[in-house]
Amino acid sequence: MARIQPLPLDALPAPLADAVARGCANRMLSSTVPVQVWAHRPELAQAWLATLETMHVRGVLDGRLRELVRLRIASITTCKACQLARKDDAVSEEDIACLSTDDARFSPHEKAALRYAELFAADYMAIDDAIFAELGRHFSTAQIVELNMFCALMLAGGRMTYVQQAYAE
């Protein structure tokens, strides 16, 4: 049960309800419960969803990479909703079973992004110039910026969902 009472979907302001509908339709959202909690501050909820939607629909990182990063961070934050959700069919259950940064199933750029996501979520003090140099070998500056922002949103969103216990029943 959520620690903050979720607002009913039919009580959401129209712009937020529209953003939730789009997020469900494009698989950006796997559950509406966190947004229903955030809806107590609808303009903030809309801003969060708009940022996610920009990365999800018009991002410079491909969907498979985002999904791998999202799931790696979810395994660290132990966000149940995030761990169960599947947002890109290009990631298989076999991929998920071994989200290791050294697994041969992942490309060099996926390994670099997974390593970065792991450090970002679990040991951010270990991120140094060498890590950014490795990212620079595989990604453009715009992609690195998006990776940073995506990791930040996934980390914050997973922790926020967990502490609020904002899960679908």
N, C-alpha and C. Protein backbone atom coordinates (compact mmCIF):
# COMPACT_ATOMS: atom_id res chain seq x y z
N MET A 1 0.85 -1.18 0.00
CA MET A 1 0.00 0.00 0.00
C MET A 1 0.88 1.23 0.00
N ALA A 2 0.56 2.16 -0.85
CA ALA A 2 1.35 3.40 -0.97
C ALA A 2 1.29 4.18 0.35
N ARG A 3 2.40 4.77 0.72
CA ARG A 3 2.48 5.57 1.94
C ARG A 3 1.79 6.92 1.78
N ILE A 4 1.64 7.37 0.55
CA ILE A 4 0.90 8.58 0.23
C ILE A 4 -0.26 8.13 -0.66
N GLN A 5 -1.44 8.50 -0.28
CA GLN A 5 -2.63 8.04 -1.02
C GLN A 5 -2.57 8.49 -2.48
N PRO A 6 -2.58 7.56 -3.43
CA PRO A 6 -2.62 7.93 -4.85
C PRO A 6 -3.96 8.59 -5.18
N LEU A 7 -3.92 9.60 -6.02
CA LEU A 7 -5.16 10.20 -6.50
C LEU A 7 -5.78 9.26 -7.53
N PRO A 8 -7.09 9.18 -7.58
CA PRO A 8 -7.73 8.37 -8.62
C PRO A 8 -7.37 8.92 -10.00
N LEU A 9 -7.24 8.04 -10.97
CA LEU A 9 -6.90 8.48 -12.33
C LEU A 9 -7.90 9.48 -12.86
N ASP A 10 -9.17 9.30 -12.54
CA ASP A 10 -10.18 10.23 -13.07
C ASP A 10 -10.16 11.58 -12.36
N ALA A 11 -9.31 11.73 -11.33
CA ALA A 11 -9.18 13.02 -10.65
C ALA A 11 -7.96 13.80 -11.13
N LEU A 12 -7.17 13.22 -12.02
CA LEU A 12 -5.99 13.92 -12.52
C LEU A 12 -6.39 15.07 -13.42
N PRO A 13 -5.67 16.19 -13.34
CA PRO A 13 -5.93 17.28 -14.29
C PRO A 13 -5.71 16.77 -15.72
N ALA A 14 -6.45 17.32 -16.66
CA ALA A 14 -6.42 16.83 -18.05
C ALA A 14 -5.01 16.73 -18.63
N PRO A 15 -4.13 17.76 -18.48
CA PRO A 15 -2.79 17.62 -19.07
C PRO A 15 -1.99 16.46 -18.47
N LEU A 16 -2.13 16.24 -17.16
CA LEU A 16 -1.43 15.12 -16.54
C LEU A 16 -2.05 13.80 -16.97
N ALA A 17 -3.36 13.74 -17.04
CA ALA A 17 -4.03 12.52 -17.50
C ALA A 17 -3.61 12.19 -18.93
N ASP A 18 -3.47 13.20 -19.78
CA ASP A 18 -3.02 12.98 -21.15
C ASP A 18 -1.58 12.44 -21.17
N ALA A 19 -0.71 12.99 -20.33
CA ALA A 19 0.68 12.52 -20.25
C ALA A 19 0.73 11.08 -19.77
N VAL A 20 -0.11 10.73 -18.80
CA VAL A 20 -0.17 9.36 -18.30
C VAL A 20 -0.65 8.42 -19.41
N ALA A 21 -1.68 8.83 -20.14
CA ALA A 21 -2.19 8.00 -21.23
C ALA A 21 -1.12 7.76 -22.29
N ARG A 22 -0.39 8.82 -22.66
CA ARG A 22 0.70 8.67 -23.64
C ARG A 22 1.78 7.73 -23.08
N GLY A 23 2.13 7.91 -21.82
CA GLY A 23 3.17 7.08 -21.20
C GLY A 23 2.79 5.61 -21.15
N CYS A 24 1.53 5.33 -20.90
CA CYS A 24 1.07 3.93 -20.91
C CYS A 24 1.07 3.38 -22.33
N ALA A 25 0.63 4.18 -23.28
CA ALA A 25 0.54 3.74 -24.68
C ALA A 25 1.91 3.44 -25.27
N ASN A 26 2.92 4.24 -24.93
CA ASN A 26 4.25 4.03 -25.52
C ASN A 26 5.18 3.21 -24.63
N ARG A 27 4.66 2.64 -23.55
CA ARG A 27 5.38 1.76 -22.62
C ARG A 27 6.39 2.52 -21.76
N MET A 28 6.36 3.82 -21.76
CA MET A 28 7.22 4.58 -20.87
C MET A 28 6.82 4.31 -19.42
N LEU A 29 5.52 4.18 -19.18
CA LEU A 29 5.01 3.87 -17.85
C LEU A 29 4.53 2.43 -17.81
N SER A 30 4.95 1.71 -16.81
CA SER A 30 4.45 0.36 -16.62
C SER A 30 3.40 0.32 -15.52
N SER A 31 3.32 1.38 -14.74
CA SER A 31 2.33 1.52 -13.68
C SER A 31 2.00 3.00 -13.55
N THR A 32 0.76 3.29 -13.25
CA THR A 32 0.37 4.68 -13.04
C THR A 32 0.45 5.08 -11.58
N VAL A 33 0.63 4.14 -10.68
CA VAL A 33 0.58 4.42 -9.24
C VAL A 33 1.58 5.49 -8.82
N PRO A 34 2.86 5.41 -9.21
CA PRO A 34 3.77 6.49 -8.80
C PRO A 34 3.28 7.87 -9.25
N VAL A 35 2.79 7.97 -10.47
CA VAL A 35 2.31 9.25 -10.98
C VAL A 35 1.07 9.70 -10.22
N GLN A 36 0.24 8.75 -9.84
CA GLN A 36 -0.94 9.10 -9.05
C GLN A 36 -0.55 9.67 -7.68
N VAL A 37 0.57 9.23 -7.14
CA VAL A 37 1.09 9.81 -5.89
C VAL A 37 1.64 11.21 -6.19
N TRP A 38 2.43 11.32 -7.24
CA TRP A 38 3.03 12.62 -7.58
C TRP A 38 1.96 13.63 -7.96
N ALA A 39 0.79 13.16 -8.33
CA ALA A 39 -0.28 14.04 -8.80
C ALA A 39 -0.76 15.02 -7.73
N HIS A 40 -0.35 14.82 -6.51
CA HIS A 40 -0.64 15.82 -5.47
C HIS A 40 0.07 17.13 -5.79
N ARG A 41 1.07 17.07 -6.68
CA ARG A 41 1.78 18.23 -7.23
C ARG A 41 1.80 18.05 -8.75
N PRO A 42 0.65 18.27 -9.38
CA PRO A 42 0.51 17.91 -10.79
C PRO A 42 1.51 18.56 -11.73
N GLU A 43 1.88 19.81 -11.48
CA GLU A 43 2.84 20.46 -12.39
C GLU A 43 4.22 19.81 -12.30
N LEU A 44 4.58 19.34 -11.10
CA LEU A 44 5.86 18.63 -10.97
C LEU A 44 5.79 17.26 -11.63
N ALA A 45 4.67 16.57 -11.44
CA ALA A 45 4.49 15.27 -12.09
C ALA A 45 4.56 15.41 -13.61
N GLN A 46 3.93 16.45 -14.15
CA GLN A 46 3.97 16.69 -15.60
C GLN A 46 5.39 16.96 -16.07
N ALA A 47 6.14 17.74 -15.31
CA ALA A 47 7.52 18.05 -15.70
C ALA A 47 8.37 16.78 -15.72
N TRP A 48 8.21 15.94 -14.71
CA TRP A 48 8.96 14.68 -14.64
C TRP A 48 8.62 13.82 -15.85
N LEU A 49 7.33 13.67 -16.11
CA LEU A 49 6.90 12.84 -17.24
C LEU A 49 7.36 13.42 -18.58
N ALA A 50 7.36 14.74 -18.70
CA ALA A 50 7.81 15.36 -19.95
C ALA A 50 9.28 15.07 -20.20
N THR A 51 10.09 15.11 -19.15
CA THR A 51 11.51 14.80 -19.30
C THR A 51 11.70 13.34 -19.71
N LEU A 52 11.01 12.44 -19.02
CA LEU A 52 11.08 11.02 -19.38
C LEU A 52 10.61 10.78 -20.81
N GLU A 53 9.51 11.43 -21.17
CA GLU A 53 8.96 11.23 -22.51
C GLU A 53 9.93 11.71 -23.59
N THR A 54 10.59 12.82 -23.33
CA THR A 54 11.57 13.32 -24.30
C THR A 54 12.65 12.28 -24.55
N MET A 55 13.16 11.67 -23.48
CA MET A 55 14.20 10.65 -23.65
C MET A 55 13.63 9.38 -24.27
N HIS A 56 12.42 9.02 -23.88
CA HIS A 56 11.83 7.77 -24.34
C HIS A 56 11.42 7.84 -25.82
N VAL A 57 10.89 8.97 -26.24
CA VAL A 57 10.35 9.09 -27.60
C VAL A 57 11.34 9.75 -28.57
N ARG A 58 12.10 10.71 -28.07
CA ARG A 58 12.99 11.46 -28.96
C ARG A 58 14.44 11.43 -28.46
N GLY A 59 14.79 10.41 -27.73
CA GLY A 59 16.13 10.32 -27.15
C GLY A 59 17.21 10.01 -28.17
N VAL A 60 18.43 10.30 -27.81
CA VAL A 60 19.58 10.00 -28.67
C VAL A 60 20.20 8.65 -28.32
N LEU A 61 19.74 8.04 -27.24
CA LEU A 61 20.17 6.68 -26.90
C LEU A 61 19.10 5.71 -27.41
N ASP A 62 19.53 4.56 -27.90
CA ASP A 62 18.54 3.62 -28.40
C ASP A 62 17.80 2.94 -27.25
N GLY A 63 16.62 2.41 -27.58
CA GLY A 63 15.75 1.83 -26.57
C GLY A 63 16.36 0.66 -25.83
N ARG A 64 17.10 -0.19 -26.52
CA ARG A 64 17.74 -1.34 -25.85
C ARG A 64 18.71 -0.85 -24.79
N LEU A 65 19.53 0.12 -25.13
CA LEU A 65 20.52 0.62 -24.17
C LEU A 65 19.82 1.24 -22.95
N ARG A 66 18.81 2.05 -23.21
CA ARG A 66 18.07 2.65 -22.08
C ARG A 66 17.47 1.57 -21.19
N GLU A 67 16.91 0.54 -21.80
CA GLU A 67 16.29 -0.53 -21.03
C GLU A 67 17.31 -1.28 -20.20
N LEU A 68 18.48 -1.57 -20.77
CA LEU A 68 19.53 -2.24 -20.01
C LEU A 68 19.96 -1.38 -18.81
N VAL A 69 20.16 -0.11 -19.06
CA VAL A 69 20.56 0.82 -17.99
C VAL A 69 19.48 0.90 -16.93
N ARG A 70 18.23 1.03 -17.37
CA ARG A 70 17.11 1.13 -16.42
C ARG A 70 17.04 -0.10 -15.53
N LEU A 71 17.17 -1.27 -16.13
CA LEU A 71 17.09 -2.51 -15.36
C LEU A 71 18.30 -2.70 -14.44
N ARG A 72 19.46 -2.25 -14.87
CA ARG A 72 20.64 -2.36 -13.99
C ARG A 72 20.46 -1.48 -12.76
N ILE A 73 19.97 -0.27 -12.96
CA ILE A 73 19.73 0.62 -11.82
C ILE A 73 18.61 0.05 -10.95
N ALA A 74 17.57 -0.51 -11.56
CA ALA A 74 16.47 -1.10 -10.79
C ALA A 74 16.96 -2.24 -9.90
N SER A 75 17.94 -2.99 -10.38
CA SER A 75 18.46 -4.08 -9.55
C SER A 75 19.21 -3.54 -8.34
N ILE A 76 19.77 -2.35 -8.45
CA ILE A 76 20.49 -1.73 -7.34
C ILE A 76 19.52 -1.04 -6.38
N THR A 77 18.52 -0.35 -6.91
CA THR A 77 17.57 0.36 -6.05
C THR A 77 16.52 -0.58 -5.47
N THR A 78 16.44 -1.78 -5.97
CA THR A 78 15.43 -2.78 -5.60
C THR A 78 14.01 -2.25 -5.77
N CYS A 79 13.81 -1.45 -6.79
CA CYS A 79 12.46 -0.96 -7.10
C CYS A 79 11.69 -2.11 -7.76
N LYS A 80 10.69 -2.61 -7.06
CA LYS A 80 9.92 -3.76 -7.56
C LYS A 80 9.24 -3.45 -8.89
N ALA A 81 8.60 -2.30 -8.96
CA ALA A 81 7.91 -1.94 -10.20
C ALA A 81 8.89 -1.85 -11.36
N CYS A 82 10.05 -1.26 -11.11
CA CYS A 82 11.06 -1.11 -12.16
C CYS A 82 11.64 -2.46 -12.59
N GLN A 83 11.84 -3.35 -11.62
CA GLN A 83 12.41 -4.65 -11.94
C GLN A 83 11.46 -5.51 -12.76
N LEU A 84 10.17 -5.37 -12.52
CA LEU A 84 9.19 -6.20 -13.22
C LEU A 84 8.81 -5.66 -14.59
N ALA A 85 8.91 -4.36 -14.77
CA ALA A 85 8.49 -3.73 -16.02
C ALA A 85 9.44 -4.09 -17.16
N ARG A 86 8.87 -4.18 -18.35
CA ARG A 86 9.64 -4.37 -19.57
C ARG A 86 9.22 -3.30 -20.55
N LYS A 87 10.18 -2.48 -20.97
CA LYS A 87 9.85 -1.33 -21.80
C LYS A 87 10.42 -1.40 -23.20
N ASP A 88 11.22 -2.41 -23.49
CA ASP A 88 11.77 -2.55 -24.83
C ASP A 88 11.97 -4.02 -25.13
N ASP A 89 11.36 -4.50 -26.20
CA ASP A 89 11.42 -5.92 -26.55
C ASP A 89 12.80 -6.35 -27.05
N ALA A 90 13.70 -5.42 -27.29
CA ALA A 90 15.05 -5.77 -27.74
C ALA A 90 15.90 -6.35 -26.61
N VAL A 91 15.42 -6.27 -25.38
CA VAL A 91 16.12 -6.83 -24.23
C VAL A 91 15.41 -8.12 -23.85
N SER A 92 16.16 -9.22 -23.88
CA SER A 92 15.58 -10.53 -23.59
C SER A 92 15.70 -10.86 -22.10
N GLU A 93 14.98 -11.89 -21.71
CA GLU A 93 15.10 -12.36 -20.32
C GLU A 93 16.52 -12.88 -20.06
N GLU A 94 17.17 -13.40 -21.08
CA GLU A 94 18.57 -13.85 -20.92
C GLU A 94 19.48 -12.65 -20.67
N ASP A 95 19.22 -11.54 -21.36
CA ASP A 95 19.99 -10.32 -21.11
C ASP A 95 19.82 -9.88 -19.66
N ILE A 96 18.59 -9.90 -19.19
CA ILE A 96 18.28 -9.43 -17.84
C ILE A 96 18.91 -10.33 -16.80
N ALA A 97 18.97 -11.62 -17.08
CA ALA A 97 19.53 -12.57 -16.12
C ALA A 97 21.02 -12.34 -15.86
N CYS A 98 21.70 -11.67 -16.78
CA CYS A 98 23.14 -11.47 -16.61
C CYS A 98 23.53 -10.04 -16.96
N LEU A 99 23.01 -9.09 -16.24
CA LEU A 99 23.31 -7.68 -16.52
C LEU A 99 24.71 -7.30 -16.02
N SER A 100 25.65 -8.16 -16.27
CA SER A 100 27.03 -7.95 -15.85
C SER A 100 27.76 -7.09 -16.88
N THR A 101 28.62 -6.23 -16.39
CA THR A 101 29.35 -5.34 -17.29
C THR A 101 30.41 -6.06 -18.11
N ASP A 102 30.66 -7.32 -17.81
CA ASP A 102 31.68 -8.03 -18.58
C ASP A 102 31.11 -9.22 -19.36
N ASP A 103 29.80 -9.33 -19.45
CA ASP A 103 29.20 -10.44 -20.17
C ASP A 103 29.37 -10.25 -21.67
N ALA A 104 29.77 -11.30 -22.36
CA ALA A 104 30.04 -11.24 -23.79
C ALA A 104 28.81 -10.94 -24.63
N ARG A 105 27.61 -11.11 -24.07
CA ARG A 105 26.39 -10.86 -24.85
C ARG A 105 26.19 -9.38 -25.12
N PHE A 106 26.87 -8.52 -24.37
CA PHE A 106 26.69 -7.08 -24.53
C PHE A 106 27.80 -6.48 -25.38
N SER A 107 27.44 -5.51 -26.19
CA SER A 107 28.41 -4.81 -27.04
C SER A 107 29.31 -3.94 -26.17
N PRO A 108 30.43 -3.49 -26.70
CA PRO A 108 31.31 -2.62 -25.91
C PRO A 108 30.61 -1.35 -25.41
N HIS A 109 29.74 -0.75 -26.24
CA HIS A 109 29.07 0.46 -25.76
C HIS A 109 28.03 0.14 -24.69
N GLU A 110 27.38 -1.03 -24.79
CA GLU A 110 26.45 -1.44 -23.73
C GLU A 110 27.19 -1.71 -22.43
N LYS A 111 28.35 -2.36 -22.53
CA LYS A 111 29.15 -2.61 -21.32
C LYS A 111 29.57 -1.31 -20.66
N ALA A 112 29.98 -0.34 -21.46
CA ALA A 112 30.40 0.96 -20.90
C ALA A 112 29.22 1.65 -20.21
N ALA A 113 28.05 1.61 -20.82
CA ALA A 113 26.87 2.24 -20.22
C ALA A 113 26.42 1.50 -18.97
N LEU A 114 26.45 0.17 -18.99
CA LEU A 114 26.09 -0.60 -17.81
C LEU A 114 27.05 -0.34 -16.66
N ARG A 115 28.32 -0.26 -16.97
CA ARG A 115 29.32 0.04 -15.92
C ARG A 115 29.06 1.42 -15.33
N TYR A 116 28.80 2.38 -16.19
CA TYR A 116 28.53 3.73 -15.72
C TYR A 116 27.27 3.75 -14.84
N ALA A 117 26.20 3.09 -15.30
CA ALA A 117 24.95 3.05 -14.53
C ALA A 117 25.16 2.40 -13.17
N GLU A 118 25.92 1.33 -13.16
CA GLU A 118 26.21 0.63 -11.90
C GLU A 118 26.94 1.56 -10.93
N LEU A 119 27.96 2.23 -11.41
CA LEU A 119 28.70 3.16 -10.56
C LEU A 119 27.82 4.34 -10.15
N PHE A 120 27.05 4.86 -11.07
CA PHE A 120 26.19 6.01 -10.79
C PHE A 120 25.25 5.69 -9.63
N ALA A 121 24.69 4.46 -9.63
CA ALA A 121 23.72 4.08 -8.61
C ALA A 121 24.34 3.56 -7.33
N ALA A 122 25.52 2.97 -7.41
CA ALA A 122 26.05 2.27 -6.24
C ALA A 122 27.38 2.79 -5.71
N ASP A 123 28.16 3.46 -6.55
CA ASP A 123 29.50 3.90 -6.12
C ASP A 123 29.92 5.12 -6.92
N TYR A 124 29.10 6.16 -6.87
CA TYR A 124 29.32 7.34 -7.73
C TYR A 124 30.67 8.02 -7.49
N MET A 125 31.25 7.84 -6.31
CA MET A 125 32.56 8.45 -6.04
C MET A 125 33.67 7.80 -6.89
N ALA A 126 33.40 6.62 -7.43
CA ALA A 126 34.38 5.93 -8.27
C ALA A 126 34.34 6.40 -9.72
N ILE A 127 33.38 7.23 -10.06
CA ILE A 127 33.32 7.75 -11.43
C ILE A 127 34.40 8.82 -11.57
N ASP A 128 35.32 8.56 -12.48
CA ASP A 128 36.46 9.47 -12.65
C ASP A 128 36.66 9.78 -14.13
N ASP A 129 37.75 10.45 -14.42
CA ASP A 129 38.03 10.82 -15.81
C ASP A 129 38.17 9.59 -16.72
N ALA A 130 38.69 8.50 -16.18
CA ALA A 130 38.85 7.29 -16.99
C ALA A 130 37.48 6.73 -17.41
N ILE A 131 36.51 6.80 -16.52
CA ILE A 131 35.16 6.33 -16.85
C ILE A 131 34.58 7.20 -17.97
N PHE A 132 34.77 8.52 -17.85
CA PHE A 132 34.25 9.41 -18.89
C PHE A 132 35.01 9.25 -20.19
N ALA A 133 36.29 8.94 -20.11
CA ALA A 133 37.05 8.68 -21.34
C ALA A 133 36.51 7.43 -22.04
N GLU A 134 36.17 6.42 -21.25
CA GLU A 134 35.59 5.19 -21.82
C GLU A 134 34.24 5.50 -22.46
N LEU A 135 33.41 6.29 -21.80
CA LEU A 135 32.13 6.68 -22.40
C LEU A 135 32.37 7.43 -23.71
N GLY A 136 33.38 8.30 -23.73
CA GLY A 136 33.68 9.08 -24.91
C GLY A 136 34.13 8.25 -26.10
N ARG A 137 34.63 7.04 -25.84
CA ARG A 137 35.02 6.14 -26.93
C ARG A 137 33.79 5.52 -27.62
N HIS A 138 32.66 5.55 -26.94
CA HIS A 138 31.48 4.87 -27.46
C HIS A 138 30.29 5.78 -27.74
N PHE A 139 30.31 6.98 -27.16
CA PHE A 139 29.13 7.84 -27.24
C PHE A 139 29.52 9.27 -27.59
N SER A 140 28.60 9.96 -28.23
CA SER A 140 28.77 11.39 -28.47
C SER A 140 28.55 12.15 -27.16
N THR A 141 28.91 13.41 -27.16
CA THR A 141 28.68 14.22 -25.97
C THR A 141 27.20 14.27 -25.63
N ALA A 142 26.34 14.44 -26.62
CA ALA A 142 24.90 14.48 -26.38
C ALA A 142 24.41 13.16 -25.76
N GLN A 143 24.94 12.05 -26.23
CA GLN A 143 24.55 10.75 -25.68
C GLN A 143 25.02 10.60 -24.22
N ILE A 144 26.21 11.09 -23.93
CA ILE A 144 26.71 11.02 -22.55
C ILE A 144 25.85 11.87 -21.62
N VAL A 145 25.48 13.06 -22.09
CA VAL A 145 24.61 13.92 -21.28
C VAL A 145 23.28 13.22 -21.05
N GLU A 146 22.70 12.64 -22.08
CA GLU A 146 21.43 11.94 -21.91
C GLU A 146 21.58 10.74 -21.00
N LEU A 147 22.67 10.00 -21.12
CA LEU A 147 22.91 8.86 -20.23
C LEU A 147 22.96 9.32 -18.78
N ASN A 148 23.66 10.44 -18.52
CA ASN A 148 23.72 10.99 -17.16
C ASN A 148 22.32 11.33 -16.65
N MET A 149 21.56 12.03 -17.46
CA MET A 149 20.22 12.46 -17.04
C MET A 149 19.29 11.26 -16.87
N PHE A 150 19.41 10.29 -17.75
CA PHE A 150 18.57 9.10 -17.64
C PHE A 150 18.91 8.34 -16.37
N CYS A 151 20.19 8.15 -16.10
CA CYS A 151 20.60 7.47 -14.86
C CYS A 151 20.05 8.21 -13.64
N ALA A 152 20.14 9.53 -13.66
CA ALA A 152 19.65 10.32 -12.53
C ALA A 152 18.15 10.12 -12.33
N LEU A 153 17.39 10.16 -13.41
CA LEU A 153 15.95 9.97 -13.30
C LEU A 153 15.59 8.56 -12.85
N MET A 154 16.29 7.56 -13.36
CA MET A 154 16.00 6.19 -12.97
C MET A 154 16.36 5.94 -11.51
N LEU A 155 17.49 6.47 -11.08
CA LEU A 155 17.89 6.31 -9.69
C LEU A 155 16.89 7.01 -8.77
N ALA A 156 16.59 8.25 -9.06
CA ALA A 156 15.66 9.01 -8.22
C ALA A 156 14.26 8.39 -8.27
N GLY A 157 13.80 8.05 -9.46
CA GLY A 157 12.46 7.48 -9.60
C GLY A 157 12.33 6.15 -8.88
N GLY A 158 13.33 5.31 -9.00
CA GLY A 158 13.30 4.02 -8.31
C GLY A 158 13.30 4.17 -6.81
N ARG A 159 14.13 5.05 -6.32
CA ARG A 159 14.17 5.27 -4.86
C ARG A 159 12.88 5.91 -4.37
N MET A 160 12.37 6.87 -5.13
CA MET A 160 11.14 7.54 -4.74
C MET A 160 9.98 6.54 -4.72
N THR A 161 9.87 5.72 -5.73
CA THR A 161 8.81 4.72 -5.78
C THR A 161 8.93 3.75 -4.62
N TYR A 162 10.17 3.34 -4.32
CA TYR A 162 10.38 2.40 -3.23
C TYR A 162 9.98 3.01 -1.88
N VAL A 163 10.48 4.20 -1.55
CA VAL A 163 10.19 4.77 -0.23
C VAL A 163 8.72 5.14 -0.10
N GLN A 164 8.07 5.49 -1.19
CA GLN A 164 6.65 5.79 -1.13
C GLN A 164 5.78 4.53 -1.18
N GLN A 165 6.44 3.39 -1.48
CA GLN A 165 5.71 2.13 -1.66
C GLN A 165 4.59 2.32 -2.68
N ALA A 166 4.89 3.04 -3.74
CA ALA A 166 3.91 3.39 -4.78
C ALA A 166 3.89 2.31 -5.85
N TYR A 167 3.45 1.13 -5.47
CA TYR A 167 3.39 -0.01 -6.39
C TYR A 167 1.95 -0.36 -6.69
N ALA A 168 1.74 -0.94 -7.85
CA ALA A 168 0.41 -1.46 -8.19
C ALA A 168 0.13 -2.64 -7.28
N GLU A 169 -1.07 -2.72 -6.81
CA GLU A 169 -1.48 -3.81 -5.90
C GLU A 169 -1.66 -5.10 -6.67
